[in-house]
Amino acid sequence: MMENLRPTENPLTDTILETQGLRAGRKEWIGLAVIALPCVLYSMDLTVLNLAIPHITIDLEPSSSQLLWIVDIYGFLVAGLLMTMGTLGDRIGRRKLLLMGAVAFGAASIFAASSKTPEMLILARAVLGIAGATLAPSTLSLIRNMFLDPKQRTVAIGVWVASYSAGGAIGPVVGGAMLEYYSWGSVFLIAVPVMILLLGLGPFLLPEFKDPDAGKLDFLSALLSLTAVLAMIFGLKKIAEGGVGWVSIASIAVGIFIGKIFLLRQRRLKDPMIDLNLFKVPAFSAALTIYTLITFIAFGGFIFIFQYMQFIQKLSPMKAGLLALPSFGGFIIGSVFAPMLAHRVRPVHVITGGLVIAALGFGLITQVDVDNGMGYLVVGMLIYSLGLAPVITLTTDLIVGAAPPERAGVASALSETSSEFGGALGIAVLGSIGTAIYRIRITRDIPPISANLADEATETLGGAASVASKLPQEHGIQLLGTANEAFVTGMQVNSVIGAIIAVGLALLAAKFLKTVKPSGH
């Protein structure tokens, strides 16, 4: 029976709507604004840390390994615990889990702000990651239960997606201003008043939902999912940092093997963490694939774009952040207007159209060069953001809508886990491709310098800039020009890959999502 369901339809939901006439009212829409608070904060937290890293390095003097853990441990634990937290929310209640996470997030933020050693900050970031893993599945699953009408749910998810983009846009501005006048710890304290507001309003505006027939949480499944995700994410990050090696390959292989054990266990359990029947719905699987791969191309492109702005165009982090604002604005606009389009036309048309627009944006970025690129870059980012935002909104709606309301937590967690995987995979794969092109080009045309300096220059664009400053002016200018050209070539190739993937996903959507009807039909 599951195979014949549209992802936006569910017998239980339809019955509730027909018998009780439940449509979201004022309280639910105000509650949505409360739900948006942790989403904005989650996105801001990722952005402001990057701005604070230089200040943290000077104050705490972490080793290179410690600095890496300060940056990475948050994302590791968020990715590894999403499915466990989604399942836990289904069992103990989504609102309860969200508020528990808010308490932990606020306390860990104060702990992070007052850290006196790198070890303290790493521990605080780990707790922030555990708490952060409660936010996305809890907020999204609450939306699934508060907005039972498909048309209203699509609008609510559009607002949910836009709140993440708003946080990304606000982060560089607020974080930059805080660092201008206060210590680096201030960027973590931004979370505290937001979490206090959530704790004050949440119990009154957010209803509680949980699966009344949920069994016990299988701790072995939770451990297997955590280990599998952490191993694969770790391997992907190792590839992004230093290229393909035996450690990264072994880590990914172990993750895949444990993931296989996890899936086999789910088939045998009476109350599995993941309902594998969802994957038999073609539209669900297609939506999950599309969502994963658009985060792949989006995250993979960003790592080159900001390096281009700061190293080649010599922009400050603040100016680079401000020039990224149109892109974040594009995500917000696209997320808000996507539901309006989805009410009138089939989602497949909005999704395929958005992906074609995104491909055009990536195509425009291929025209960026060393001397004249900011116009193409800013407009290209805006265009692909406008294209990708409706796709994110509608694929998220399809993923969450495929599950019955009592299993919304795990469906939400699947959605967010796919996003984490897509982002990590994009950084690893596209980062490796861009780095390989950079090294090949710069090695071919590098001026005559010592082997040690040559190794440093071929490692990264920042390394080349550092080496160039130590050379005689003529050789320094030559090296820097060669490095810039090599880097831009890598960025152009990745933009071509992004455009090709976007077109391929448009074809995938056209084939598997064509039967999905507009919201509310």
Protein backbone atom coordinates (compact mmCIF):
# COMPACT_ATOMS: atom_id res chain seq x y z
CA MET A 1 0.00 0.00 0.00
CA MET A 2 2.87 2.35 0.87
CA GLU A 3 4.14 2.27 -2.72
CA ASN A 4 0.91 3.83 -4.02
CA LEU A 5 0.90 6.83 -1.69
CA ARG A 6 1.84 10.28 -2.84
CA PRO A 7 4.41 11.75 -0.41
CA THR A 8 2.08 14.67 0.27
CA GLU A 9 -0.78 12.34 1.16
CA ASN A 10 -1.24 10.15 4.18
CA PRO A 11 -4.41 8.29 5.16
CA LEU A 12 -4.08 9.25 8.83
CA THR A 13 -3.55 12.92 8.03
CA ASP A 14 -6.42 12.98 5.54
CA THR A 15 -8.77 11.36 8.05
CA ILE A 16 -7.92 13.89 10.74
CA LEU A 17 -8.44 16.77 8.33
CA GLU A 18 -11.77 15.46 7.09
CA THR A 19 -13.24 14.50 10.47
CA GLN A 20 -12.00 17.37 12.59
CA GLY A 21 -11.37 20.08 10.00
CA LEU A 22 -7.97 20.81 11.56
CA ARG A 23 -6.29 23.72 9.88
CA ALA A 24 -3.55 25.71 11.54
CA GLY A 25 -4.73 28.88 13.25
CA ARG A 26 -3.07 31.94 14.77
CA LYS A 27 -1.43 29.98 17.59
CA GLU A 28 0.30 27.61 15.16
CA TRP A 29 1.61 30.45 12.99
CA ILE A 30 2.97 32.29 16.04
CA GLY A 31 4.44 28.96 17.14
CA LEU A 32 6.18 28.75 13.76
CA ALA A 33 7.96 32.02 14.57
CA VAL A 34 9.15 30.42 17.81
CA ILE A 35 10.34 27.36 15.88
CA ALA A 36 12.31 29.65 13.55
CA LEU A 37 14.40 31.00 16.45
CA PRO A 38 16.66 27.96 16.96
CA CYS A 39 16.92 27.52 13.18
CA VAL A 40 18.28 31.06 12.77
CA LEU A 41 20.65 30.48 15.67
CA TYR A 42 21.87 27.12 14.34
CA SER A 43 22.87 28.71 11.03
CA MET A 44 24.42 31.75 12.71
CA ASP A 45 26.53 29.53 14.95
CA LEU A 46 28.23 27.93 11.95
CA THR A 47 29.03 31.32 10.41
CA VAL A 48 30.25 33.30 13.40
CA LEU A 49 32.73 30.63 14.49
CA ASN A 50 34.66 31.01 11.22
CA LEU A 51 34.95 34.74 11.90
CA ALA A 52 36.13 34.13 15.47
CA ILE A 53 38.81 31.55 14.63
CA PRO A 54 41.68 34.09 14.26
CA HIS A 55 40.81 35.62 17.66
CA ILE A 56 40.54 32.18 19.30
CA THR A 57 43.92 31.21 17.82
CA ILE A 58 45.62 34.25 19.33
CA ASP A 59 43.95 33.95 22.75
CA LEU A 60 43.93 30.19 23.43
CA GLU A 61 46.91 29.21 21.23
CA PRO A 62 45.48 25.82 20.18
CA SER A 63 47.58 23.35 18.23
CA SER A 64 46.61 22.71 14.62
CA SER A 65 44.93 19.46 15.72
CA GLN A 66 43.02 21.20 18.52
CA LEU A 67 41.88 23.96 16.17
CA LEU A 68 40.59 21.33 13.78
CA TRP A 69 38.58 19.70 16.58
CA ILE A 70 37.20 23.07 17.71
CA VAL A 71 35.82 23.58 14.21
CA ASP A 72 34.77 20.02 13.36
CA ILE A 73 33.46 18.34 16.50
CA TYR A 74 30.19 20.30 16.41
CA GLY A 75 29.33 19.13 12.90
CA PHE A 76 30.48 15.56 13.63
CA LEU A 77 28.13 15.15 16.58
CA VAL A 78 25.22 16.93 14.89
CA ALA A 79 25.46 14.63 11.87
CA GLY A 80 25.99 11.49 13.94
CA LEU A 81 23.10 12.08 16.35
CA LEU A 82 20.38 13.42 14.04
CA MET A 83 18.67 10.07 13.47
CA THR A 84 18.91 9.10 17.13
CA MET A 85 17.45 12.44 18.23
CA GLY A 86 14.68 12.25 15.63
CA THR A 87 13.69 8.82 16.88
CA LEU A 88 13.98 9.94 20.51
CA GLY A 89 11.65 12.87 19.79
CA ASP A 90 9.05 10.48 18.37
CA ARG A 91 9.17 8.57 21.65
CA ILE A 92 9.45 11.19 24.41
CA GLY A 93 7.84 14.15 22.62
CA ARG A 94 9.16 16.66 20.07
CA ARG A 95 8.56 19.75 22.24
CA LYS A 96 10.18 18.15 25.27
CA LEU A 97 13.28 17.22 23.26
CA LEU A 98 13.48 20.70 21.72
CA LEU A 99 13.29 22.43 25.10
CA MET A 100 15.81 20.04 26.63
CA GLY A 101 18.12 20.79 23.73
CA ALA A 102 17.59 24.54 24.23
CA VAL A 103 18.69 24.30 27.87
CA ALA A 104 21.79 22.32 26.90
CA PHE A 105 22.59 24.65 23.99
CA GLY A 106 22.33 27.77 26.15
CA ALA A 107 24.45 26.30 28.96
CA ALA A 108 27.08 25.03 26.51
CA SER A 109 27.20 28.47 24.85
CA ILE A 110 28.05 30.09 28.20
CA PHE A 111 30.65 27.38 28.82
CA ALA A 112 32.17 27.98 25.35
CA ALA A 113 32.28 31.75 25.87
CA SER A 114 34.14 31.35 29.16
CA SER A 115 36.60 28.70 27.92
CA LYS A 116 40.17 29.29 29.09
CA THR A 117 41.86 26.40 27.28
CA PRO A 118 41.45 24.68 23.90
CA GLU A 119 40.30 21.53 25.69
CA MET A 120 37.47 23.42 27.41
CA LEU A 121 36.33 24.89 24.10
CA ILE A 122 36.42 21.50 22.38
CA LEU A 123 34.27 20.01 25.16
CA ALA A 124 31.84 22.94 24.95
CA ARG A 125 31.58 22.55 21.17
CA ALA A 126 30.88 18.84 21.64
CA VAL A 127 27.97 19.59 23.99
CA LEU A 128 26.75 22.22 21.51
CA GLY A 129 26.78 19.52 18.81
CA ILE A 130 24.74 17.11 20.93
CA ALA A 131 22.23 19.87 21.71
CA GLY A 132 22.23 21.09 18.11
CA ALA A 133 21.23 17.62 16.91
CA THR A 134 17.90 18.05 18.73
CA LEU A 135 17.00 21.30 16.94
CA ALA A 136 16.49 20.47 13.26
CA PRO A 137 14.50 17.20 13.59
CA SER A 138 12.45 18.58 16.49
CA THR A 139 11.51 21.81 14.71
CA LEU A 140 10.74 20.13 11.39
CA SER A 141 8.71 17.31 12.94
CA LEU A 142 6.72 19.84 14.99
CA ILE A 143 5.86 21.60 11.72
CA ARG A 144 4.70 18.25 10.31
CA ASN A 145 2.29 17.86 13.23
CA MET A 146 1.18 21.49 13.65
CA PHE A 147 0.38 21.98 9.96
CA LEU A 148 -1.65 18.97 8.86
CA ASP A 149 -3.05 20.71 5.79
CA PRO A 150 -0.53 20.04 2.94
CA LYS A 151 -0.90 23.57 1.56
CA GLN A 152 -0.17 25.18 4.93
CA ARG A 153 2.64 22.73 5.64
CA THR A 154 4.45 23.70 2.45
CA VAL A 155 4.28 27.38 3.46
CA ALA A 156 5.53 26.55 6.96
CA ILE A 157 8.47 24.54 5.61
CA GLY A 158 9.30 27.44 3.30
CA VAL A 159 9.52 29.70 6.36
CA TRP A 160 11.61 27.03 8.14
CA VAL A 161 14.10 26.89 5.24
CA ALA A 162 14.18 30.69 5.00
CA SER A 163 15.04 30.95 8.71
CA TYR A 164 18.27 29.02 8.12
CA SER A 165 19.16 31.36 5.25
CA ALA A 166 18.35 34.36 7.46
CA GLY A 167 20.74 33.03 10.09
CA GLY A 168 23.46 32.62 7.48
CA ALA A 169 22.91 36.19 6.32
CA ILE A 170 22.78 37.68 9.82
CA GLY A 171 25.77 35.71 11.14
CA PRO A 172 28.62 37.55 9.37
CA VAL A 173 27.11 40.96 10.14
CA VAL A 174 26.30 40.35 13.81
CA GLY A 175 29.41 38.26 14.41
CA GLY A 176 31.65 40.84 12.75
CA ALA A 177 30.12 43.64 14.83
CA MET A 178 30.50 41.64 18.07
CA LEU A 179 34.15 40.88 17.32
CA GLU A 180 34.73 44.54 16.52
CA TYR A 181 33.89 45.60 20.09
CA TYR A 182 33.97 42.48 22.29
CA SER A 183 36.02 39.31 22.81
CA TRP A 184 35.58 36.16 20.74
CA GLY A 185 33.42 34.62 23.49
CA SER A 186 30.66 37.10 22.67
CA VAL A 187 29.79 35.21 19.46
CA PHE A 188 28.68 32.22 21.55
CA LEU A 189 26.66 34.34 23.98
CA ILE A 190 24.35 35.39 21.12
CA ALA A 191 22.63 32.03 21.65
CA VAL A 192 21.69 32.62 25.27
CA PRO A 193 18.86 35.19 24.92
CA VAL A 194 17.45 33.28 21.94
CA MET A 195 17.29 30.06 23.95
CA ILE A 196 15.75 31.88 26.94
CA LEU A 197 13.04 33.23 24.63
CA LEU A 198 12.44 29.74 23.22
CA LEU A 199 12.16 28.27 26.72
CA GLY A 200 9.74 31.04 27.76
CA LEU A 201 7.42 30.82 24.76
CA GLY A 202 7.75 27.17 23.71
CA PRO A 203 5.61 25.57 26.44
CA PHE A 204 2.70 27.91 25.61
CA LEU A 205 2.88 28.09 21.80
CA LEU A 206 4.23 24.68 20.78
CA PRO A 207 1.98 21.63 21.26
CA GLU A 208 3.47 18.32 22.33
CA PHE A 209 3.50 15.38 19.93
CA LYS A 210 4.86 11.87 20.20
CA ASP A 211 4.14 8.42 18.83
CA PRO A 212 1.67 6.81 21.26
CA ASP A 213 2.63 3.33 20.05
CA ALA A 214 6.38 3.84 19.96
CA GLY A 215 8.46 1.03 21.40
CA LYS A 216 11.68 1.39 23.31
CA LEU A 217 14.63 3.11 21.68
CA ASP A 218 17.06 0.46 20.46
CA PHE A 219 20.39 1.63 21.85
CA LEU A 220 22.41 -0.70 19.64
CA SER A 221 20.77 0.85 16.55
CA ALA A 222 21.54 4.32 17.92
CA LEU A 223 25.18 3.34 18.46
CA LEU A 224 25.44 1.78 14.99
CA SER A 225 23.95 4.85 13.28
CA LEU A 226 26.21 7.21 15.23
CA THR A 227 29.33 5.18 14.44
CA ALA A 228 28.45 4.76 10.75
CA VAL A 229 27.75 8.45 10.20
CA LEU A 230 30.80 9.62 12.17
CA ALA A 231 33.13 7.25 10.32
CA MET A 232 31.90 8.33 6.89
CA ILE A 233 31.88 12.05 7.72
CA PHE A 234 35.38 11.77 9.22
CA GLY A 235 36.66 10.03 6.09
CA LEU A 236 35.12 12.67 3.84
CA LYS A 237 36.67 15.47 5.90
CA LYS A 238 40.09 13.79 5.75
CA ILE A 239 39.80 13.74 1.96
CA ALA A 240 38.87 17.43 1.97
CA GLU A 241 41.86 18.29 4.17
CA GLY A 242 44.63 16.20 2.63
CA GLY A 243 43.33 14.28 -0.36
CA VAL A 244 42.60 10.57 -0.69
CA GLY A 245 44.61 8.39 1.68
CA TRP A 246 44.36 5.03 3.38
CA VAL A 247 42.94 6.55 6.58
CA SER A 248 40.09 8.30 4.74
CA ILE A 249 39.29 5.27 2.57
CA ALA A 250 39.37 2.91 5.57
CA SER A 251 37.15 5.25 7.58
CA ILE A 252 34.54 5.48 4.81
CA ALA A 253 34.66 1.70 4.26
CA VAL A 254 34.11 1.06 7.98
CA GLY A 255 31.22 3.54 7.98
CA ILE A 256 29.57 1.84 5.01
CA PHE A 257 30.02 -1.61 6.59
CA ILE A 258 28.50 -0.51 9.92
CA GLY A 259 25.72 1.28 8.03
CA LYS A 260 24.90 -2.01 6.29
CA ILE A 261 24.66 -3.75 9.67
CA PHE A 262 22.41 -0.94 10.89
CA LEU A 263 20.02 -1.38 7.95
CA LEU A 264 19.93 -5.17 8.36
CA ARG A 265 19.04 -4.70 12.02
CA GLN A 266 16.21 -2.31 11.14
CA ARG A 267 14.60 -5.01 8.98
CA ARG A 268 14.50 -7.40 11.95
CA LEU A 269 13.30 -5.01 14.66
CA LYS A 270 9.64 -4.69 15.63
CA ASP A 271 10.15 -0.95 16.32
CA PRO A 272 12.99 0.14 13.99
CA MET A 273 14.63 3.56 14.10
CA ILE A 274 13.95 3.99 10.38
CA ASP A 275 10.92 2.72 8.48
CA LEU A 276 12.63 1.28 5.40
CA ASN A 277 9.26 1.06 3.63
CA LEU A 278 9.56 4.82 3.03
CA PHE A 279 12.29 4.12 0.50
CA LYS A 280 9.84 2.09 -1.57
CA VAL A 281 8.00 5.33 -2.39
CA PRO A 282 9.72 6.53 -5.60
CA ALA A 283 8.99 10.20 -4.92
CA PHE A 284 10.44 9.95 -1.38
CA SER A 285 13.68 8.37 -2.59
CA ALA A 286 13.95 10.85 -5.48
CA ALA A 287 13.35 13.82 -3.16
CA LEU A 288 15.97 12.54 -0.69
CA THR A 289 18.50 12.06 -3.50
CA ILE A 290 17.86 15.52 -4.92
CA TYR A 291 18.13 17.16 -1.49
CA THR A 292 21.44 15.39 -0.81
CA LEU A 293 22.99 16.36 -4.13
CA ILE A 294 21.94 20.00 -4.09
CA THR A 295 23.68 20.40 -0.73
CA PHE A 296 26.63 18.63 -2.39
CA ILE A 297 26.98 21.29 -5.08
CA ALA A 298 26.10 24.22 -2.79
CA PHE A 299 28.57 23.43 0.02
CA GLY A 300 31.26 22.29 -2.40
CA GLY A 301 31.09 25.61 -4.23
CA PHE A 302 31.18 27.84 -1.15
CA ILE A 303 34.67 26.75 -0.07
CA PHE A 304 36.12 28.16 -3.30
CA ILE A 305 33.97 31.27 -3.47
CA PHE A 306 35.10 32.75 -0.14
CA GLN A 307 38.75 31.95 -0.82
CA TYR A 308 38.42 33.71 -4.17
CA MET A 309 36.95 36.78 -2.48
CA GLN A 310 39.58 37.00 0.26
CA PHE A 311 42.79 35.75 -1.38
CA ILE A 312 42.39 36.87 -4.98
CA GLN A 313 40.13 39.91 -4.66
CA LYS A 314 41.74 40.89 -1.29
CA LEU A 315 38.43 41.45 0.49
CA SER A 316 38.14 41.41 4.28
CA PRO A 317 35.98 38.67 5.89
CA MET A 318 33.34 41.32 6.65
CA LYS A 319 33.20 42.55 3.03
CA ALA A 320 33.13 38.98 1.75
CA GLY A 321 30.22 38.25 4.08
CA LEU A 322 28.36 41.35 2.91
CA LEU A 323 28.81 40.38 -0.75
CA ALA A 324 27.32 36.98 0.09
CA LEU A 325 24.16 38.65 1.41
CA PRO A 326 22.42 38.73 -2.01
CA SER A 327 22.87 34.95 -2.18
CA PHE A 328 21.30 34.46 1.25
CA GLY A 329 18.56 36.87 0.20
CA GLY A 330 17.95 34.70 -2.85
CA PHE A 331 17.51 31.66 -0.61
CA ILE A 332 15.02 33.54 1.58
CA ILE A 333 13.00 34.83 -1.39
CA GLY A 334 13.00 31.46 -3.14
CA SER A 335 11.95 29.64 0.04
CA VAL A 336 9.05 32.01 0.71
CA PHE A 337 7.70 32.08 -2.85
CA ALA A 338 8.09 28.34 -3.53
CA PRO A 339 4.87 27.39 -1.67
CA MET A 340 2.89 29.94 -3.71
CA LEU A 341 4.05 28.27 -6.91
CA ALA A 342 3.51 24.77 -5.51
CA HIS A 343 -0.15 25.57 -4.79
CA ARG A 344 -0.81 26.31 -8.46
CA VAL A 345 1.42 23.92 -10.38
CA ARG A 346 2.79 20.48 -9.75
CA PRO A 347 5.94 20.40 -7.58
CA VAL A 348 7.84 18.70 -10.38
CA HIS A 349 7.61 21.87 -12.49
CA VAL A 350 8.85 24.09 -9.65
CA ILE A 351 11.68 21.68 -8.79
CA THR A 352 12.87 21.14 -12.37
CA GLY A 353 12.57 24.86 -13.10
CA GLY A 354 14.56 25.70 -9.97
CA LEU A 355 17.30 23.25 -10.88
CA VAL A 356 17.59 24.67 -14.41
CA ILE A 357 17.85 28.20 -12.94
CA ALA A 358 20.53 26.93 -10.52
CA ALA A 359 22.45 25.45 -13.46
CA LEU A 360 22.40 28.87 -15.15
CA GLY A 361 23.80 30.43 -11.98
CA PHE A 362 26.64 27.92 -11.83
CA GLY A 363 27.23 28.50 -15.52
CA LEU A 364 27.64 32.23 -14.90
CA ILE A 365 30.29 31.54 -12.24
CA THR A 366 32.36 29.69 -14.88
CA GLN A 367 32.96 33.13 -16.44
CA VAL A 368 34.77 34.39 -13.32
CA ASP A 369 38.45 35.18 -13.90
CA VAL A 370 41.28 36.61 -11.82
CA ASP A 371 40.89 40.25 -12.82
CA ASN A 372 37.17 40.67 -13.48
CA GLY A 373 35.05 38.27 -11.51
CA MET A 374 33.07 39.80 -8.67
CA GLY A 375 30.10 40.85 -10.80
CA TYR A 376 29.74 37.38 -12.33
CA LEU A 377 30.26 35.77 -8.93
CA VAL A 378 27.68 37.79 -6.97
CA VAL A 379 25.03 37.54 -9.70
CA GLY A 380 25.75 33.83 -10.26
CA MET A 381 25.40 33.12 -6.53
CA LEU A 382 22.12 35.05 -6.44
CA ILE A 383 20.73 33.12 -9.42
CA TYR A 384 21.65 29.67 -8.16
CA SER A 385 20.30 30.56 -4.70
CA LEU A 386 16.97 31.60 -6.21
CA GLY A 387 16.91 28.29 -8.07
CA LEU A 388 17.96 25.99 -5.24
CA ALA A 389 15.73 27.46 -2.51
CA PRO A 390 12.40 26.20 -3.94
CA VAL A 391 13.99 22.79 -4.50
CA ILE A 392 15.09 22.57 -0.85
CA THR A 393 11.66 23.64 0.37
CA LEU A 394 9.65 21.25 -1.77
CA THR A 395 11.92 18.22 -1.45
CA THR A 396 11.90 18.70 2.34
CA ASP A 397 8.10 18.84 2.21
CA LEU A 398 7.99 15.63 0.16
CA ILE A 399 10.37 13.83 2.53
CA VAL A 400 8.56 14.84 5.72
CA GLY A 401 5.09 14.45 4.20
CA ALA A 402 5.82 10.85 3.22
CA ALA A 403 5.89 9.75 6.86
CA PRO A 404 2.81 9.51 9.09
CA PRO A 405 2.68 12.26 11.75
CA GLU A 406 3.73 9.92 14.55
CA ARG A 407 6.98 9.12 12.66
CA ALA A 408 7.75 12.68 11.62
CA GLY A 409 10.82 12.87 13.85
CA VAL A 410 12.77 10.16 12.08
CA ALA A 411 11.69 11.44 8.64
CA SER A 412 12.93 14.91 9.59
CA ALA A 413 16.17 13.41 10.83
CA LEU A 414 16.64 11.54 7.53
CA SER A 415 16.18 14.82 5.69
CA GLU A 416 18.78 16.63 7.79
CA THR A 417 21.23 13.71 7.79
CA SER A 418 21.13 13.66 3.98
CA SER A 419 21.92 17.38 4.03
CA GLU A 420 24.92 16.84 6.32
CA PHE A 421 26.18 14.01 4.12
CA GLY A 422 25.68 16.01 0.96
CA GLY A 423 27.57 18.98 2.37
CA ALA A 424 30.49 16.88 3.65
CA LEU A 425 30.63 14.94 0.38
CA GLY A 426 30.59 18.14 -1.67
CA ILE A 427 33.44 19.68 0.32
CA ALA A 428 35.47 16.46 0.06
CA VAL A 429 34.87 15.63 -3.60
CA LEU A 430 34.69 19.09 -5.16
CA GLY A 431 37.42 20.30 -2.79
CA SER A 432 39.68 17.45 -3.91
CA ILE A 433 38.96 18.09 -7.60
CA GLY A 434 39.65 21.82 -7.26
CA THR A 435 42.82 21.18 -5.24
CA ALA A 436 44.07 18.62 -7.77
CA ILE A 437 43.56 21.06 -10.65
CA TYR A 438 45.27 23.81 -8.64
CA ARG A 439 48.32 21.63 -7.93
CA ILE A 440 48.63 20.42 -11.52
CA ARG A 441 48.45 23.95 -12.95
CA ILE A 442 50.77 25.61 -10.43
CA THR A 443 53.33 22.78 -10.58
CA ARG A 444 53.51 23.13 -14.37
CA ASP A 445 54.07 26.90 -14.35
CA ILE A 446 55.79 27.55 -10.99
CA PRO A 447 58.85 29.86 -11.13
CA PRO A 448 62.27 28.52 -10.06
CA ILE A 449 62.18 28.35 -6.23
CA SER A 450 63.43 25.92 -3.56
CA ALA A 451 61.69 22.57 -3.09
CA ASN A 452 60.40 23.48 0.38
CA LEU A 453 58.83 26.72 -0.83
CA ALA A 454 57.43 24.96 -3.89
CA ASP A 455 55.74 22.36 -1.66
CA GLU A 456 54.16 25.11 0.46
CA ALA A 457 52.98 27.03 -2.61
CA THR A 458 51.40 24.00 -4.25
CA GLU A 459 49.53 23.01 -1.07
CA THR A 460 47.00 25.88 -0.91
CA LEU A 461 46.31 29.32 -2.36
CA GLY A 462 47.06 30.82 1.05
CA GLY A 463 50.38 28.99 1.08
CA ALA A 464 51.25 30.41 -2.34
CA ALA A 465 50.46 33.94 -1.11
CA SER A 466 52.73 33.40 1.90
CA VAL A 467 55.60 32.11 -0.26
CA ALA A 468 55.16 34.96 -2.76
CA SER A 469 55.68 37.51 0.01
CA LYS A 470 59.10 35.96 0.77
CA LEU A 471 60.40 36.01 -2.81
CA PRO A 472 61.97 38.79 -4.85
CA GLN A 473 59.26 41.00 -6.33
CA GLU A 474 59.46 39.62 -9.87
CA HIS A 475 59.27 35.97 -8.79
CA GLY A 476 56.63 36.76 -6.17
CA ILE A 477 54.34 38.42 -8.71
CA GLN A 478 54.86 35.54 -11.13
CA LEU A 479 54.08 32.91 -8.46
CA LEU A 480 51.00 34.74 -7.22
CA GLY A 481 49.67 35.17 -10.76
CA THR A 482 50.21 31.49 -11.50
CA ALA A 483 48.54 30.43 -8.24
CA ASN A 484 45.54 32.70 -8.82
CA GLU A 485 45.03 31.41 -12.35
CA ALA A 486 45.33 27.80 -11.15
CA PHE A 487 42.82 28.35 -8.36
CA VAL A 488 40.28 30.06 -10.63
CA THR A 489 40.56 27.17 -13.10
CA GLY A 490 39.66 24.75 -10.31
CA MET A 491 36.70 26.93 -9.29
CA GLN A 492 35.48 27.11 -12.90
CA VAL A 493 35.64 23.31 -13.28
CA ASN A 494 33.65 22.84 -10.08
CA SER A 495 31.03 25.29 -11.32
CA VAL A 496 30.71 23.24 -14.52
CA ILE A 497 30.23 20.11 -12.38
CA GLY A 498 27.59 21.93 -10.33
CA ALA A 499 25.71 22.93 -13.48
CA ILE A 500 25.82 19.38 -14.87
CA ILE A 501 24.57 17.86 -11.61
CA ALA A 502 21.74 20.41 -11.43
CA VAL A 503 20.60 19.49 -14.97
CA GLY A 504 20.86 15.77 -14.13
CA LEU A 505 18.73 16.26 -11.02
CA ALA A 506 16.16 18.14 -13.09
CA LEU A 507 15.86 15.07 -15.33
CA LEU A 508 15.58 12.82 -12.25
CA ALA A 509 12.81 15.00 -10.83
CA ALA A 510 10.96 15.04 -14.15
CA LYS A 511 10.89 11.23 -14.17
CA PHE A 512 10.04 10.38 -10.55
CA LEU A 513 8.06 13.37 -9.26
CA LYS A 514 5.67 13.87 -12.18
CA THR A 515 2.72 12.22 -10.38
CA VAL A 516 2.93 14.39 -7.25
CA LYS A 517 0.04 16.84 -7.22
CA PRO A 518 0.14 20.50 -6.10
CA SER A 519 -0.20 21.13 -2.36
CA GLY A 520 -3.77 20.80 -1.14
CA HIS A 521 -5.00 18.89 -4.22
